[in-house]
Amino acid sequence: MFRHLYGLLIRQAFETSTQIKSAIQSGMPTLAIDVAPAIFDAMVKSQSWITDEDAWKPIAAAFPTQHSAYAQQLREAILKRRSEGLPFILLFAVREERVQLLTLS
């Protein structure tokens, strides 16, 4: 049973890496964002905030009040890429120079 499960995981990892490679070769978009490290961590922890209002609310609330419009612009930019059928986007945190792959599908 362990061998079967291990084989499935290896296959899944290979398929995902192939999808990522294809997305990179097709010109995967990168979105540079200027947010506090804690907000970036919340954004990359789970992708549910992209489409789920309840998951979005705590992330949006973490932005300083004067940056609420910026928070909405970021979400809309990601939703636009998702609606275009793109499977992934790279988020680049400019403050820390960190990169994270975000799954859109």
Protein backbone atom coordinates (compact mmCIF):
# COMPACT_ATOMS: atom_id res chain seq x y z
CA MET A 1 0.00 0.00 0.00
CA PHE A 2 2.83 2.40 0.83
CA ARG A 3 4.39 1.82 -2.59
CA HIS A 4 1.11 2.56 -4.32
CA LEU A 5 0.61 5.78 -2.34
CA TYR A 6 4.22 6.81 -2.93
CA GLY A 7 3.78 6.19 -6.67
CA LEU A 8 0.65 8.36 -6.74
CA LEU A 9 2.43 11.18 -4.92
CA ILE A 10 5.39 11.01 -7.29
CA ARG A 11 3.06 11.12 -10.29
CA GLN A 12 1.16 14.07 -8.85
CA ALA A 13 4.41 15.93 -8.14
CA PHE A 14 5.62 15.29 -11.68
CA GLU A 15 2.33 16.48 -13.21
CA THR A 16 2.37 19.65 -11.13
CA SER A 17 5.98 20.40 -12.00
CA THR A 18 5.17 19.88 -15.68
CA GLN A 19 2.27 22.34 -15.40
CA ILE A 20 4.49 24.91 -13.71
CA LYS A 21 7.20 24.48 -16.33
CA SER A 22 4.64 24.96 -19.10
CA ALA A 23 3.24 28.08 -17.39
CA ILE A 24 6.74 29.57 -17.09
CA GLN A 25 7.47 28.87 -20.74
CA SER A 26 4.16 30.52 -21.68
CA GLY A 27 5.09 33.69 -19.81
CA MET A 28 3.70 33.27 -16.31
CA PRO A 29 2.76 36.70 -14.98
CA THR A 30 4.46 38.17 -11.94
CA LEU A 31 2.70 40.58 -9.64
CA ALA A 32 4.99 42.75 -7.52
CA ILE A 33 3.29 43.67 -4.28
CA ASP A 34 4.29 46.05 -1.52
CA VAL A 35 2.83 44.57 1.65
CA ALA A 36 3.98 43.80 5.16
CA PRO A 37 5.57 40.35 5.58
CA ALA A 38 2.63 39.13 7.68
CA ILE A 39 0.17 40.04 4.92
CA PHE A 40 2.31 38.33 2.28
CA ASP A 41 2.46 35.21 4.45
CA ALA A 42 -1.34 35.22 4.80
CA MET A 43 -1.78 35.65 1.05
CA VAL A 44 0.43 32.69 0.18
CA LYS A 45 -0.70 30.41 3.00
CA SER A 46 -3.94 29.58 1.18
CA GLN A 47 -5.44 30.67 -2.10
CA SER A 48 -9.02 30.57 -0.81
CA TRP A 49 -9.04 34.36 -0.31
CA ILE A 50 -9.00 34.85 -4.06
CA THR A 51 -12.63 33.77 -4.44
CA ASP A 52 -13.97 33.40 -0.89
CA GLU A 53 -15.16 36.62 0.74
CA ASP A 54 -14.91 35.17 4.25
CA ALA A 55 -11.28 34.18 3.67
CA TRP A 56 -10.54 37.59 2.12
CA LYS A 57 -11.89 39.70 5.00
CA PRO A 58 -9.06 39.03 7.51
CA ILE A 59 -6.42 39.64 4.85
CA ALA A 60 -8.06 42.88 3.75
CA ALA A 61 -8.41 43.94 7.38
CA ALA A 62 -4.65 43.45 7.89
CA PHE A 63 -3.91 46.22 5.40
CA PRO A 64 -3.59 49.70 6.88
CA THR A 65 -6.87 51.60 6.44
CA GLN A 66 -5.31 54.02 3.96
CA HIS A 67 -4.30 51.03 1.77
CA SER A 68 -7.70 49.34 1.52
CA ALA A 69 -8.03 50.39 -2.13
CA TYR A 70 -4.59 48.89 -2.84
CA ALA A 71 -5.68 45.62 -1.21
CA GLN A 72 -8.72 45.47 -3.48
CA GLN A 73 -6.60 46.28 -6.56
CA LEU A 74 -4.28 43.37 -5.76
CA ARG A 75 -7.16 40.96 -5.40
CA GLU A 76 -8.79 42.20 -8.62
CA ALA A 77 -5.50 41.82 -10.53
CA ILE A 78 -5.23 38.22 -9.39
CA LEU A 79 -8.90 37.52 -10.14
CA LYS A 80 -8.38 38.92 -13.64
CA ARG A 81 -5.51 36.51 -14.28
CA ARG A 82 -7.63 33.67 -12.95
CA SER A 83 -10.53 34.63 -15.25
CA GLU A 84 -8.09 34.58 -18.17
CA GLY A 85 -7.56 30.89 -17.42
CA LEU A 86 -4.03 31.20 -16.09
CA PRO A 87 -3.22 28.38 -13.67
CA PHE A 88 -0.48 30.20 -11.73
CA ILE A 89 0.91 33.63 -10.91
CA LEU A 90 4.11 34.59 -9.17
CA LEU A 91 3.77 37.00 -6.27
CA PHE A 92 6.89 39.05 -5.62
CA ALA A 93 7.08 40.76 -2.23
CA VAL A 94 9.17 43.84 -2.94
CA ARG A 95 10.00 44.58 0.70
CA GLU A 96 11.64 41.22 1.31
CA GLU A 97 12.40 40.20 -2.27
CA ARG A 98 10.47 36.97 -1.75
CA VAL A 99 8.74 35.06 -4.50
CA GLN A 100 5.82 32.68 -4.09
CA LEU A 101 3.92 30.65 -6.64
CA LEU A 102 0.17 31.13 -6.28
CA THR A 103 -2.17 28.54 -7.75
CA LEU A 104 -5.18 30.14 -9.39
CA SER A 105 -7.20 27.10 -10.40
